[in-house]
Amino acid sequence: MNIKESISQKLRDIDLDTFGFLKCEVFHDLKEFLVVKEELSLINEFEESEIEKRINPLLLMPEGKTIISIAFPYYVENNKEKDEIYFSRYTRTLDYHRVVHRYLDEVIRHIESLGGKALGFVDSNPLPERYIAMKSGVGFIGKNNMIITEKYGSYVFLGEIITDLEIEEDMPKENLCGECRECIKACPTKSIKNIKEKNLKGILNNSKICLSYITQKKEIDFPFIKLMDGRLFGCDSCQESCPYNKDINNKIIKEFESIDYMDKVNLEELLNLDNAKFKELYKCTSCGWRGKNILIRNSMIAAYNKGRLNLDYINNIKSTYVKEYFEKILRL
C-alpha cells in the first residue's frame, strides 16, 4: 500500500470519506480574484487581509509538499417543522473547531508513523479552504460561495493538513450550478452578485452583508436588524434552497449530532442568559466563541421581529451593550 492509499484508508477508518489531495504551492490563479475583493472592500473582519498569506501555504509550512482537504458532514435530517426563531444548523453541534482538530490530530499521527511531518488547520487560519477543497476534488464552489460535495451537499465543515510527504494530487470537480439561481433568489440581503469588475466573470459573494456574518458582528446596521428575522446565529437560506442539498446522505460523525436545546430554542432562557448558563450550555457549541452578549442581543432582535419581546424586558438587561440594542430596535 503506497502513502496515498495508506492515508486514504486511515481517513475512511475514522468515518471520513470525502477528501482530496493537492500540491502545496503558491496559488497564483487565486490572487487576481482576491485583489478584486480587496479593491471592492469585500474582505470582512474575520478574513485574513494579507493576500500573500492567503495564496501561499508555504508560509505556514515551508517544507510542505501536499495539502489534504477533508470534509466533515454535520447535517442531521430534521422532519419537524422549522421553528420561527432558530440557530443555523452548523451551530447546533459541539464546537466544530475542537472536534475537527481531534480528527486531524489522529490523521497527523498516522502521517508521522509513515515518516512524514504534518500540521492541521481548521477555519481560523489564512488558508483559502474552499478553494483548496475545490482544487483537490472535494467538491465544487457554488454560486453561494459554499463548497458543495456530491454526498453531503454543502453541509460540511472543512479541515486541512499540510504534510512534507509528496503525494499525487487529485483533479478538481466540475462546477454543476449551471443556470440555477435558487440561492441568489433566497438570499435575504442579496449578497450573491455577478462579478462585473476587472473583466472577471462569475459570482462574487459579498460576505460583509451575508446574514451569517451579520449575526456574528459586534455592530449591526439598522437595515439588517429586520432582515435577521428569527435568526439567532448564522443563516441557512442559501443552503436550504440549493438543489444539491435536497437528497443528501445523513451519515455524520457522532460528535455532530444536534444538541436538543439548540434544536428547540428556549427563548426566555436566552434572553436572560447569565454567565453560568452560558458556560454550561452554549460555550461548547459552534457559536459560543462569540460570547454571551451576542447571543442575548440576537435573541432580543429575533423576539422583537417575531412580536415576542415584552417592553418590560429592559428592566432585566444588565449589559450596557445589550441595552443599547434594545433602544436601537425601538427606533425601527
C-alpha atoms as a PDB file:
ATOM      1  CA  MET A   1       0.000   0.000   0.000  1.00  0.00           C
ATOM      2  CA  ASN A   2       1.502   3.361  -1.032  1.00  0.00           C
ATOM      3  CA  ILE A   3       1.405   6.521   1.090  1.00  0.00           C
ATOM      4  CA  LYS A   4      -1.721   7.978  -0.553  1.00  0.00           C
ATOM      5  CA  GLU A   5      -3.617   4.718  -0.159  1.00  0.00           C
ATOM      6  CA  SER A   6      -2.494   4.420   3.466  1.00  0.00           C
ATOM      7  CA  ILE A   7      -3.681   7.928   4.393  1.00  0.00           C
ATOM      8  CA  SER A   8      -6.920   7.451   2.451  1.00  0.00           C
ATOM      9  CA  GLN A   9      -7.615   4.212   4.293  1.00  0.00           C
ATOM     10  CA  LYS A  10      -6.915   5.887   7.633  1.00  0.00           C
ATOM     11  CA  LEU A  11      -9.454   8.595   6.794  1.00  0.00           C
ATOM     12  CA  ARG A  12     -12.068   6.015   5.856  1.00  0.00           C
ATOM     13  CA  ASP A  13     -11.340   4.073   9.053  1.00  0.00           C
ATOM     14  CA  ILE A  14     -12.378   7.114  11.101  1.00  0.00           C
ATOM     15  CA  ASP A  15     -15.555   7.618   9.016  1.00  0.00           C
ATOM     16  CA  LEU A  16     -14.258  10.392   6.761  1.00  0.00           C
ATOM     17  CA  ASP A  17     -14.955   9.522   3.143  1.00  0.00           C
ATOM     18  CA  THR A  18     -14.828  12.871   1.328  1.00  0.00           C
ATOM     19  CA  PHE A  19     -11.291  14.198   0.926  1.00  0.00           C
ATOM     20  CA  GLY A  20      -8.715  15.158  -1.680  1.00  0.00           C
ATOM     21  CA  PHE A  21      -5.002  15.794  -2.178  1.00  0.00           C
ATOM     22  CA  LEU A  22      -3.480  18.957  -3.653  1.00  0.00           C
ATOM     23  CA  LYS A  23       0.089  20.061  -4.356  1.00  0.00           C
ATOM     24  CA  CYS A  24       1.255  22.593  -1.740  1.00  0.00           C
ATOM     25  CA  GLU A  25       2.345  25.599  -3.763  1.00  0.00           C
ATOM     26  CA  VAL A  26       1.560  29.286  -4.251  1.00  0.00           C
ATOM     27  CA  PHE A  27      -1.997  29.733  -5.616  1.00  0.00           C
ATOM     28  CA  HIS A  28      -1.187  32.300  -8.296  1.00  0.00           C
ATOM     29  CA  ASP A  29      -4.570  31.832 -10.027  1.00  0.00           C
ATOM     30  CA  LEU A  30      -6.389  32.924  -6.847  1.00  0.00           C
ATOM     31  CA  LYS A  31      -4.523  36.211  -6.462  1.00  0.00           C
ATOM     32  CA  GLU A  32      -6.455  38.227  -9.072  1.00  0.00           C
ATOM     33  CA  PHE A  33      -9.776  37.249  -7.502  1.00  0.00           C
ATOM     34  CA  LEU A  34      -8.594  38.317  -4.018  1.00  0.00           C
ATOM     35  CA  VAL A  35      -7.186  41.586  -5.366  1.00  0.00           C
ATOM     36  CA  VAL A  36     -10.614  42.418  -6.831  1.00  0.00           C
ATOM     37  CA  LYS A  37     -12.274  41.590  -3.498  1.00  0.00           C
ATOM     38  CA  GLU A  38      -9.840  43.917  -1.750  1.00  0.00           C
ATOM     39  CA  GLU A  39     -10.401  46.724  -4.272  1.00  0.00           C
ATOM     40  CA  LEU A  40     -14.166  46.385  -3.787  1.00  0.00           C
ATOM     41  CA  SER A  41     -13.773  46.380   0.024  1.00  0.00           C
ATOM     42  CA  LEU A  42     -15.379  42.938   0.235  1.00  0.00           C
ATOM     43  CA  ILE A  43     -12.945  41.331   2.687  1.00  0.00           C
ATOM     44  CA  ASN A  44     -14.670  41.039   6.068  1.00  0.00           C
ATOM     45  CA  GLU A  45     -13.124  41.352   9.519  1.00  0.00           C
ATOM     46  CA  PHE A  46     -12.876  37.585  10.029  1.00  0.00           C
ATOM     47  CA  GLU A  47     -10.823  37.044   6.855  1.00  0.00           C
ATOM     48  CA  GLU A  48      -7.059  37.320   6.529  1.00  0.00           C
ATOM     49  CA  SER A  49      -6.380  40.730   4.956  1.00  0.00           C
ATOM     50  CA  GLU A  50      -2.876  39.979   3.609  1.00  0.00           C
ATOM     51  CA  ILE A  51      -3.295  38.381   0.199  1.00  0.00           C
ATOM     52  CA  GLU A  52       0.174  36.816   0.259  1.00  0.00           C
ATOM     53  CA  LYS A  53      -0.800  34.797   3.339  1.00  0.00           C
ATOM     54  CA  ARG A  54      -3.986  33.620   1.598  1.00  0.00           C
ATOM     55  CA  ILE A  55      -2.249  32.348  -1.527  1.00  0.00           C
ATOM     56  CA  ASN A  56       0.969  30.929  -0.074  1.00  0.00           C
ATOM     57  CA  PRO A  57       0.523  27.877   2.192  1.00  0.00           C
ATOM     58  CA  LEU A  58       4.305  27.518   2.299  1.00  0.00           C
ATOM     59  CA  LEU A  59       4.346  30.413   4.778  1.00  0.00           C
ATOM     60  CA  LEU A  60       2.634  28.030   7.202  1.00  0.00           C
ATOM     61  CA  MET A  61       4.910  25.078   6.437  1.00  0.00           C
ATOM     62  CA  PRO A  62       7.938  25.883   4.231  1.00  0.00           C
ATOM     63  CA  GLU A  63       8.721  22.196   3.681  1.00  0.00           C
ATOM     64  CA  GLY A  64       5.109  21.389   2.729  1.00  0.00           C
ATOM     65  CA  LYS A  65       4.594  19.264  -0.371  1.00  0.00           C
ATOM     66  CA  THR A  66       0.899  18.273  -0.179  1.00  0.00           C
ATOM     67  CA  ILE A  67      -2.348  19.642   1.263  1.00  0.00           C
ATOM     68  CA  ILE A  68      -5.072  17.196   2.260  1.00  0.00           C
ATOM     69  CA  SER A  69      -8.570  18.715   2.268  1.00  0.00           C
ATOM     70  CA  ILE A  70     -11.165  16.862   4.337  1.00  0.00           C
ATOM     71  CA  ALA A  71     -14.949  17.365   4.554  1.00  0.00           C
ATOM     72  CA  PHE A  72     -16.733  16.739   7.864  1.00  0.00           C
ATOM     73  CA  PRO A  73     -20.514  16.284   7.357  1.00  0.00           C
ATOM     74  CA  TYR A  74     -22.791  17.778  10.011  1.00  0.00           C
ATOM     75  CA  TYR A  75     -26.305  17.633   8.545  1.00  0.00           C
ATOM     76  CA  VAL A  76     -28.891  15.688  10.534  1.00  0.00           C
ATOM     77  CA  GLU A  77     -32.300  15.413   8.903  1.00  0.00           C
ATOM     78  CA  ASN A  78     -34.945  17.099  10.992  1.00  0.00           C
ATOM     79  CA  ASN A  79     -38.501  16.227   9.967  1.00  0.00           C
ATOM     80  CA  LYS A  80     -40.216  18.588  12.362  1.00  0.00           C
ATOM     81  CA  GLU A  81     -41.350  21.977  11.199  1.00  0.00           C
ATOM     82  CA  LYS A  82     -38.720  24.687  11.378  1.00  0.00           C
ATOM     83  CA  ASP A  83     -39.125  26.978  14.394  1.00  0.00           C
ATOM     84  CA  GLU A  84     -39.589  30.680  13.694  1.00  0.00           C
ATOM     85  CA  ILE A  85     -36.652  31.502  15.984  1.00  0.00           C
ATOM     86  CA  TYR A  86     -33.681  29.249  15.333  1.00  0.00           C
ATOM     87  CA  PHE A  87     -29.953  28.608  15.246  1.00  0.00           C
ATOM     88  CA  SER A  88     -28.255  27.803  11.939  1.00  0.00           C
ATOM     89  CA  ARG A  89     -27.666  24.061  11.526  1.00  0.00           C
ATOM     90  CA  TYR A  90     -23.888  24.322  11.869  1.00  0.00           C
ATOM     91  CA  THR A  91     -24.116  25.906  15.319  1.00  0.00           C
ATOM     92  CA  ARG A  92     -26.278  23.156  16.852  1.00  0.00           C
ATOM     93  CA  THR A  93     -23.387  20.792  17.487  1.00  0.00           C
ATOM     94  CA  LEU A  94     -20.301  20.706  19.650  1.00  0.00           C
ATOM     95  CA  ASP A  95     -17.760  23.335  18.576  1.00  0.00           C
ATOM     96  CA  TYR A  96     -16.534  22.047  15.225  1.00  0.00           C
ATOM     97  CA  HIS A  97     -13.114  23.664  15.636  1.00  0.00           C
ATOM     98  CA  ARG A  98     -12.282  21.341  18.525  1.00  0.00           C
ATOM     99  CA  VAL A  99     -13.931  18.273  17.000  1.00  0.00           C
ATOM    100  CA  VAL A 100     -12.237  18.639  13.614  1.00  0.00           C
ATOM    101  CA  HIS A 101      -8.847  19.231  15.237  1.00  0.00           C
ATOM    102  CA  ARG A 102      -9.163  15.963  17.169  1.00  0.00           C
ATOM    103  CA  TYR A 103      -9.741  14.060  13.930  1.00  0.00           C
ATOM    104  CA  LEU A 104      -6.922  15.887  12.157  1.00  0.00           C
ATOM    105  CA  ASP A 105      -4.559  15.049  15.022  1.00  0.00           C
ATOM    106  CA  GLU A 106      -5.336  11.350  14.562  1.00  0.00           C
ATOM    107  CA  VAL A 107      -4.533  11.567  10.847  1.00  0.00           C
ATOM    108  CA  ILE A 108      -1.373  13.551  11.601  1.00  0.00           C
ATOM    109  CA  ARG A 109      -0.180  10.793  13.947  1.00  0.00           C
ATOM    110  CA  HIS A 110      -0.698   8.320  11.114  1.00  0.00           C
ATOM    111  CA  ILE A 111       1.307  10.523   8.726  1.00  0.00           C
ATOM    112  CA  GLU A 112       4.094  10.723  11.297  1.00  0.00           C
ATOM    113  CA  SER A 113       4.076   6.923  11.532  1.00  0.00           C
ATOM    114  CA  LEU A 114       4.762   6.929   7.772  1.00  0.00           C
ATOM    115  CA  GLY A 115       7.817   9.126   8.314  1.00  0.00           C
ATOM    116  CA  GLY A 116       6.232  12.461   7.444  1.00  0.00           C
ATOM    117  CA  LYS A 117       5.650  15.770   9.178  1.00  0.00           C
ATOM    118  CA  ALA A 118       2.212  17.426   9.201  1.00  0.00           C
ATOM    119  CA  LEU A 119       0.229  20.394  10.508  1.00  0.00           C
ATOM    120  CA  GLY A 120      -3.577  20.616  10.823  1.00  0.00           C
ATOM    121  CA  PHE A 121      -5.807  23.650  10.233  1.00  0.00           C
ATOM    122  CA  VAL A 122      -9.461  24.477  10.875  1.00  0.00           C
ATOM    123  CA  ASP A 123     -11.212  27.680   9.830  1.00  0.00           C
ATOM    124  CA  SER A 124      -9.258  30.320  11.800  1.00  0.00           C
ATOM    125  CA  ASN A 125      -6.199  30.477   9.560  1.00  0.00           C
ATOM    126  CA  PRO A 126      -5.152  32.172   6.299  1.00  0.00           C
ATOM    127  CA  LEU A 127      -5.765  29.128   4.078  1.00  0.00           C
ATOM    128  CA  PRO A 128      -8.445  29.579   1.370  1.00  0.00           C
ATOM    129  CA  GLU A 129     -10.141  26.362   2.481  1.00  0.00           C
ATOM    130  CA  ARG A 130     -12.987  26.315  -0.051  1.00  0.00           C
ATOM    131  CA  TYR A 131     -10.594  26.977  -2.907  1.00  0.00           C
ATOM    132  CA  ILE A 132      -8.361  24.139  -1.661  1.00  0.00           C
ATOM    133  CA  ALA A 133     -11.374  21.824  -1.335  1.00  0.00           C
ATOM    134  CA  MET A 134     -12.392  22.655  -4.903  1.00  0.00           C
ATOM    135  CA  LYS A 135      -8.890  22.213  -6.370  1.00  0.00           C
ATOM    136  CA  SER A 136      -8.438  18.877  -4.578  1.00  0.00           C
ATOM    137  CA  GLY A 137     -11.740  17.456  -5.825  1.00  0.00           C
ATOM    138  CA  VAL A 138     -13.672  17.502  -2.540  1.00  0.00           C
ATOM    139  CA  GLY A 139     -16.478  19.448  -4.209  1.00  0.00           C
ATOM    140  CA  PHE A 140     -17.233  22.485  -6.330  1.00  0.00           C
ATOM    141  CA  ILE A 141     -17.763  26.065  -5.164  1.00  0.00           C
ATOM    142  CA  GLY A 142     -21.391  27.024  -5.683  1.00  0.00           C
ATOM    143  CA  LYS A 143     -22.769  30.433  -6.538  1.00  0.00           C
ATOM    144  CA  ASN A 144     -23.333  30.966  -2.813  1.00  0.00           C
ATOM    145  CA  ASN A 145     -19.565  30.510  -2.284  1.00  0.00           C
ATOM    146  CA  MET A 146     -20.138  27.285  -0.351  1.00  0.00           C
ATOM    147  CA  ILE A 147     -18.253  24.099  -1.147  1.00  0.00           C
ATOM    148  CA  ILE A 148     -20.805  21.577  -2.444  1.00  0.00           C
ATOM    149  CA  THR A 149     -19.935  17.898  -2.102  1.00  0.00           C
ATOM    150  CA  GLU A 150     -21.580  15.071  -4.024  1.00  0.00           C
ATOM    151  CA  LYS A 151     -22.570  13.074  -0.938  1.00  0.00           C
ATOM    152  CA  TYR A 152     -23.304  15.707   1.725  1.00  0.00           C
ATOM    153  CA  GLY A 153     -24.164  18.820  -0.262  1.00  0.00           C
ATOM    154  CA  SER A 154     -22.823  21.978   1.383  1.00  0.00           C
ATOM    155  CA  TYR A 155     -23.473  20.813   4.951  1.00  0.00           C
ATOM    156  CA  VAL A 156     -19.818  20.150   5.701  1.00  0.00           C
ATOM    157  CA  PHE A 157     -17.043  21.646   7.791  1.00  0.00           C
ATOM    158  CA  LEU A 158     -13.592  21.693   6.230  1.00  0.00           C
ATOM    159  CA  GLY A 159     -10.212  20.828   7.672  1.00  0.00           C
ATOM    160  CA  GLU A 160      -6.765  20.795   6.072  1.00  0.00           C
ATOM    161  CA  ILE A 161      -3.488  19.017   6.697  1.00  0.00           C
ATOM    162  CA  ILE A 162      -0.204  20.191   5.193  1.00  0.00           C
ATOM    163  CA  THR A 163       2.459  17.495   5.021  1.00  0.00           C
ATOM    164  CA  ASP A 164       6.011  17.268   3.743  1.00  0.00           C
ATOM    165  CA  LEU A 165       5.133  13.978   2.043  1.00  0.00           C
ATOM    166  CA  GLU A 166       4.843  14.253  -1.735  1.00  0.00           C
ATOM    167  CA  ILE A 167       1.515  12.703  -2.747  1.00  0.00           C
ATOM    168  CA  GLU A 168      -0.184  12.552  -6.143  1.00  0.00           C
ATOM    169  CA  GLU A 169      -2.845  15.252  -6.321  1.00  0.00           C
ATOM    170  CA  ASP A 170      -6.486  14.796  -7.294  1.00  0.00           C
ATOM    171  CA  MET A 171      -8.449  16.544 -10.013  1.00  0.00           C
ATOM    172  CA  PRO A 172     -10.871  19.445  -9.354  1.00  0.00           C
ATOM    173  CA  LYS A 173     -14.622  18.800  -9.556  1.00  0.00           C
ATOM    174  CA  GLU A 174     -16.649  20.368 -12.361  1.00  0.00           C
ATOM    175  CA  ASN A 175     -18.939  23.211 -11.286  1.00  0.00           C
ATOM    176  CA  LEU A 176     -22.527  21.971 -11.564  1.00  0.00           C
ATOM    177  CA  CYS A 177     -24.538  25.114 -10.721  1.00  0.00           C
ATOM    178  CA  GLY A 178     -25.295  25.807 -14.363  1.00  0.00           C
ATOM    179  CA  GLU A 179     -28.128  28.313 -14.794  1.00  0.00           C
ATOM    180  CA  CYS A 180     -29.587  27.635 -11.327  1.00  0.00           C
ATOM    181  CA  ARG A 181     -30.239  30.815  -9.314  1.00  0.00           C
ATOM    182  CA  GLU A 182     -32.076  29.404  -6.301  1.00  0.00           C
ATOM    183  CA  CYS A 183     -29.501  30.571  -3.744  1.00  0.00           C
ATOM    184  CA  ILE A 184     -29.398  34.039  -5.327  1.00  0.00           C
ATOM    185  CA  LYS A 185     -33.182  34.332  -5.072  1.00  0.00           C
ATOM    186  CA  ALA A 186     -33.221  33.018  -1.494  1.00  0.00           C
ATOM    187  CA  CYS A 187     -30.559  35.353  -0.074  1.00  0.00           C
ATOM    188  CA  PRO A 188     -32.327  37.896   2.202  1.00  0.00           C
ATOM    189  CA  THR A 189     -29.675  40.591   1.696  1.00  0.00           C
ATOM    190  CA  LYS A 190     -28.866  39.888  -1.985  1.00  0.00           C
ATOM    191  CA  SER A 191     -25.223  39.290  -1.083  1.00  0.00           C
ATOM    192  CA  ILE A 192     -24.641  36.974  -4.085  1.00  0.00           C
ATOM    193  CA  LYS A 193     -23.998  39.003  -7.228  1.00  0.00           C
ATOM    194  CA  ASN A 194     -22.404  38.752 -10.669  1.00  0.00           C
ATOM    195  CA  ILE A 195     -18.813  39.923 -10.968  1.00  0.00           C
ATOM    196  CA  LYS A 196     -18.597  42.737 -13.494  1.00  0.00           C
ATOM    197  CA  GLU A 197     -15.343  44.403 -12.426  1.00  0.00           C
ATOM    198  CA  LYS A 198     -11.849  43.810 -13.874  1.00  0.00           C
ATOM    199  CA  ASN A 199     -13.144  41.508 -16.626  1.00  0.00           C
ATOM    200  CA  LEU A 200     -13.727  38.707 -14.110  1.00  0.00           C
ATOM    201  CA  LYS A 201     -16.720  36.517 -14.861  1.00  0.00           C
ATOM    202  CA  GLY A 202     -18.813  34.593 -12.394  1.00  0.00           C
ATOM    203  CA  ILE A 203     -20.306  35.087  -8.957  1.00  0.00           C
ATOM    204  CA  LEU A 204     -18.880  37.060  -6.061  1.00  0.00           C
ATOM    205  CA  ASN A 205     -20.355  36.673  -2.582  1.00  0.00           C
ATOM    206  CA  ASN A 206     -20.334  39.909  -0.589  1.00  0.00           C
ATOM    207  CA  SER A 207     -19.834  38.256   2.782  1.00  0.00           C
ATOM    208  CA  LYS A 208     -19.968  41.636   4.523  1.00  0.00           C
ATOM    209  CA  ILE A 209     -23.735  41.723   4.038  1.00  0.00           C
ATOM    210  CA  CYS A 210     -24.330  37.981   4.413  1.00  0.00           C
ATOM    211  CA  LEU A 211     -26.659  37.416   7.380  1.00  0.00           C
ATOM    212  CA  SER A 212     -24.454  34.637   8.713  1.00  0.00           C
ATOM    213  CA  TYR A 213     -21.709  37.232   9.067  1.00  0.00           C
ATOM    214  CA  ILE A 214     -24.084  39.939  10.292  1.00  0.00           C
ATOM    215  CA  THR A 215     -25.308  37.778  13.203  1.00  0.00           C
ATOM    216  CA  GLN A 216     -21.692  37.436  14.359  1.00  0.00           C
ATOM    217  CA  LYS A 217     -20.716  41.104  14.122  1.00  0.00           C
ATOM    218  CA  LYS A 218     -20.490  43.234  17.243  1.00  0.00           C
ATOM    219  CA  GLU A 219     -22.178  46.152  15.486  1.00  0.00           C
ATOM    220  CA  ILE A 220     -25.235  45.717  13.254  1.00  0.00           C
ATOM    221  CA  ASP A 221     -26.526  48.428  10.925  1.00  0.00           C
ATOM    222  CA  PHE A 222     -30.241  49.299  11.122  1.00  0.00           C
ATOM    223  CA  PRO A 223     -31.334  47.743   7.779  1.00  0.00           C
ATOM    224  CA  PHE A 224     -30.104  44.309   8.814  1.00  0.00           C
ATOM    225  CA  ILE A 225     -31.931  44.131  12.144  1.00  0.00           C
ATOM    226  CA  LYS A 226     -35.293  43.436  10.482  1.00  0.00           C
ATOM    227  CA  LEU A 227     -33.695  41.163   7.870  1.00  0.00           C
ATOM    228  CA  MET A 228     -32.294  38.947  10.625  1.00  0.00           C
ATOM    229  CA  ASP A 229     -35.889  37.841  11.215  1.00  0.00           C
ATOM    230  CA  GLY A 230     -35.715  34.883  13.646  1.00  0.00           C
ATOM    231  CA  ARG A 231     -32.062  34.010  13.100  1.00  0.00           C
ATOM    232  CA  LEU A 232     -30.100  33.619  16.332  1.00  0.00           C
ATOM    233  CA  PHE A 233     -26.717  32.836  14.772  1.00  0.00           C
ATOM    234  CA  GLY A 234     -25.918  32.075  11.164  1.00  0.00           C
ATOM    235  CA  CYS A 235     -28.180  31.888   8.121  1.00  0.00           C
ATOM    236  CA  ASP A 236     -29.145  28.766   6.182  1.00  0.00           C
ATOM    237  CA  SER A 237     -31.266  30.380   3.454  1.00  0.00           C
ATOM    238  CA  CYS A 238     -28.902  29.742   0.532  1.00  0.00           C
ATOM    239  CA  GLN A 239     -28.212  26.174   1.674  1.00  0.00           C
ATOM    240  CA  GLU A 240     -31.865  25.294   2.210  1.00  0.00           C
ATOM    241  CA  SER A 241     -32.713  26.478  -1.308  1.00  0.00           C
ATOM    242  CA  CYS A 242     -29.878  24.572  -3.027  1.00  0.00           C
ATOM    243  CA  PRO A 243     -30.994  21.561  -5.120  1.00  0.00           C
ATOM    244  CA  TYR A 244     -27.801  19.724  -4.146  1.00  0.00           C
ATOM    245  CA  ASN A 245     -28.927  19.762  -0.511  1.00  0.00           C
ATOM    246  CA  LYS A 246     -32.281  18.108  -1.137  1.00  0.00           C
ATOM    247  CA  ASP A 247     -31.422  14.397  -1.081  1.00  0.00           C
ATOM    248  CA  ILE A 248     -28.150  14.135   0.788  1.00  0.00           C
ATOM    249  CA  ASN A 249     -26.601  11.494   2.997  1.00  0.00           C
ATOM    250  CA  ASN A 250     -27.426  11.949   6.694  1.00  0.00           C
ATOM    251  CA  LYS A 251     -24.482   9.906   7.936  1.00  0.00           C
ATOM    252  CA  ILE A 252     -22.354  12.114  10.168  1.00  0.00           C
ATOM    253  CA  ILE A 253     -19.617  11.625  12.710  1.00  0.00           C
ATOM    254  CA  LYS A 254     -21.077  11.152  16.186  1.00  0.00           C
ATOM    255  CA  GLU A 255     -19.835  14.464  17.611  1.00  0.00           C
ATOM    256  CA  PHE A 256     -22.038  16.380  15.177  1.00  0.00           C
ATOM    257  CA  GLU A 257     -25.352  15.070  16.413  1.00  0.00           C
ATOM    258  CA  SER A 258     -27.593  18.075  17.092  1.00  0.00           C
ATOM    259  CA  ILE A 259     -27.886  19.141  20.722  1.00  0.00           C
ATOM    260  CA  ASP A 260     -31.555  19.076  21.807  1.00  0.00           C
ATOM    261  CA  TYR A 261     -31.683  22.565  23.318  1.00  0.00           C
ATOM    262  CA  MET A 262     -30.092  24.008  20.162  1.00  0.00           C
ATOM    263  CA  ASP A 263     -32.786  22.387  18.006  1.00  0.00           C
ATOM    264  CA  LYS A 264     -35.644  23.561  20.236  1.00  0.00           C
ATOM    265  CA  VAL A 265     -34.820  27.071  21.414  1.00  0.00           C
ATOM    266  CA  ASN A 266     -35.719  28.281  24.912  1.00  0.00           C
ATOM    267  CA  LEU A 267     -36.113  31.962  24.087  1.00  0.00           C
ATOM    268  CA  GLU A 268     -36.776  33.022  27.684  1.00  0.00           C
ATOM    269  CA  GLU A 269     -33.559  31.362  28.790  1.00  0.00           C
ATOM    270  CA  LEU A 270     -31.565  33.043  26.019  1.00  0.00           C
ATOM    271  CA  LEU A 271     -32.983  36.486  26.757  1.00  0.00           C
ATOM    272  CA  ASN A 272     -31.960  36.140  30.406  1.00  0.00           C
ATOM    273  CA  LEU A 273     -28.718  34.262  29.886  1.00  0.00           C
ATOM    274  CA  ASP A 274     -26.238  34.536  32.745  1.00  0.00           C
ATOM    275  CA  ASN A 275     -22.569  33.526  32.789  1.00  0.00           C
ATOM    276  CA  ALA A 276     -23.196  30.181  34.478  1.00  0.00           C
ATOM    277  CA  LYS A 277     -25.881  29.082  31.997  1.00  0.00           C
ATOM    278  CA  PHE A 278     -23.847  30.336  29.040  1.00  0.00           C
ATOM    279  CA  LYS A 279     -20.809  28.302  30.107  1.00  0.00           C
ATOM    280  CA  GLU A 280     -22.956  25.243  30.826  1.00  0.00           C
ATOM    281  CA  LEU A 281     -24.970  25.191  27.590  1.00  0.00           C
ATOM    282  CA  TYR A 282     -23.615  27.434  24.851  1.00  0.00           C
ATOM    283  CA  LYS A 283     -19.867  27.927  25.231  1.00  0.00           C
ATOM    284  CA  CYS A 284     -19.274  24.358  23.976  1.00  0.00           C
ATOM    285  CA  THR A 285     -21.175  24.981  20.704  1.00  0.00           C
ATOM    286  CA  SER A 286     -20.008  26.452  17.401  1.00  0.00           C
ATOM    287  CA  CYS A 287     -21.497  29.852  18.275  1.00  0.00           C
ATOM    288  CA  GLY A 288     -20.104  30.008  21.810  1.00  0.00           C
ATOM    289  CA  TRP A 289     -16.850  31.656  20.758  1.00  0.00           C
ATOM    290  CA  ARG A 290     -18.662  34.962  20.147  1.00  0.00           C
ATOM    291  CA  GLY A 291     -19.721  35.284  23.776  1.00  0.00           C
ATOM    292  CA  LYS A 292     -22.856  35.628  25.841  1.00  0.00           C
ATOM    293  CA  ASN A 293     -23.942  39.161  24.948  1.00  0.00           C
ATOM    294  CA  ILE A 294     -24.041  38.498  21.192  1.00  0.00           C
ATOM    295  CA  LEU A 295     -26.476  35.620  21.828  1.00  0.00           C
ATOM    296  CA  ILE A 296     -28.604  37.795  24.104  1.00  0.00           C
ATOM    297  CA  ARG A 297     -28.620  40.624  21.549  1.00  0.00           C
ATOM    298  CA  ASN A 298     -29.605  38.301  18.694  1.00  0.00           C
ATOM    299  CA  SER A 299     -32.308  36.675  20.834  1.00  0.00           C
ATOM    300  CA  MET A 300     -33.720  40.088  21.631  1.00  0.00           C
ATOM    301  CA  ILE A 301     -33.742  41.074  17.945  1.00  0.00           C
ATOM    302  CA  ALA A 302     -35.418  37.790  16.965  1.00  0.00           C
ATOM    303  CA  ALA A 303     -38.025  38.180  19.720  1.00  0.00           C
ATOM    304  CA  TYR A 304     -38.755  41.719  18.548  1.00  0.00           C
ATOM    305  CA  ASN A 305     -39.009  40.691  14.879  1.00  0.00           C
ATOM    306  CA  LYS A 306     -41.475  37.936  15.797  1.00  0.00           C
ATOM    307  CA  GLY A 307     -43.574  40.131  18.104  1.00  0.00           C
ATOM    308  CA  ARG A 308     -42.491  38.239  21.206  1.00  0.00           C
ATOM    309  CA  LEU A 309     -40.475  40.918  23.024  1.00  0.00           C
ATOM    310  CA  ASN A 310     -42.059  42.422  26.128  1.00  0.00           C
ATOM    311  CA  LEU A 311     -41.023  46.060  26.508  1.00  0.00           C
ATOM    312  CA  ASP A 312     -40.587  45.500  30.236  1.00  0.00           C
ATOM    313  CA  TYR A 313     -37.624  43.315  29.321  1.00  0.00           C
ATOM    314  CA  ILE A 314     -35.420  46.422  29.550  1.00  0.00           C
ATOM    315  CA  ASN A 315     -35.584  46.066  33.340  1.00  0.00           C
ATOM    316  CA  ASN A 316     -33.803  42.692  33.084  1.00  0.00           C
ATOM    317  CA  ILE A 317     -30.922  43.902  30.911  1.00  0.00           C
ATOM    318  CA  LYS A 318     -27.599  44.050  32.738  1.00  0.00           C
ATOM    319  CA  SER A 319     -25.289  44.745  29.807  1.00  0.00           C
ATOM    320  CA  THR A 320     -24.930  48.330  28.539  1.00  0.00           C
ATOM    321  CA  TYR A 321     -24.163  46.880  25.112  1.00  0.00           C
ATOM    322  CA  VAL A 322     -27.417  44.861  25.001  1.00  0.00           C
ATOM    323  CA  LYS A 323     -29.402  47.811  26.371  1.00  0.00           C
ATOM    324  CA  GLU A 324     -28.147  49.992  23.515  1.00  0.00           C
ATOM    325  CA  TYR A 325     -29.552  47.455  21.033  1.00  0.00           C
ATOM    326  CA  PHE A 326     -32.853  47.350  22.869  1.00  0.00           C
ATOM    327  CA  GLU A 327     -33.133  51.111  22.423  1.00  0.00           C
ATOM    328  CA  LYS A 328     -31.977  50.798  18.801  1.00  0.00           C
ATOM    329  CA  ILE A 329     -34.716  48.347  17.810  1.00  0.00           C
ATOM    330  CA  LEU A 330     -37.344  50.541  19.439  1.00  0.00           C
ATOM    331  CA  ARG A 331     -36.387  53.238  16.938  1.00  0.00           C
ATOM    332  CA  LEU A 332     -37.004  50.975  13.924  1.00  0.00           C
END
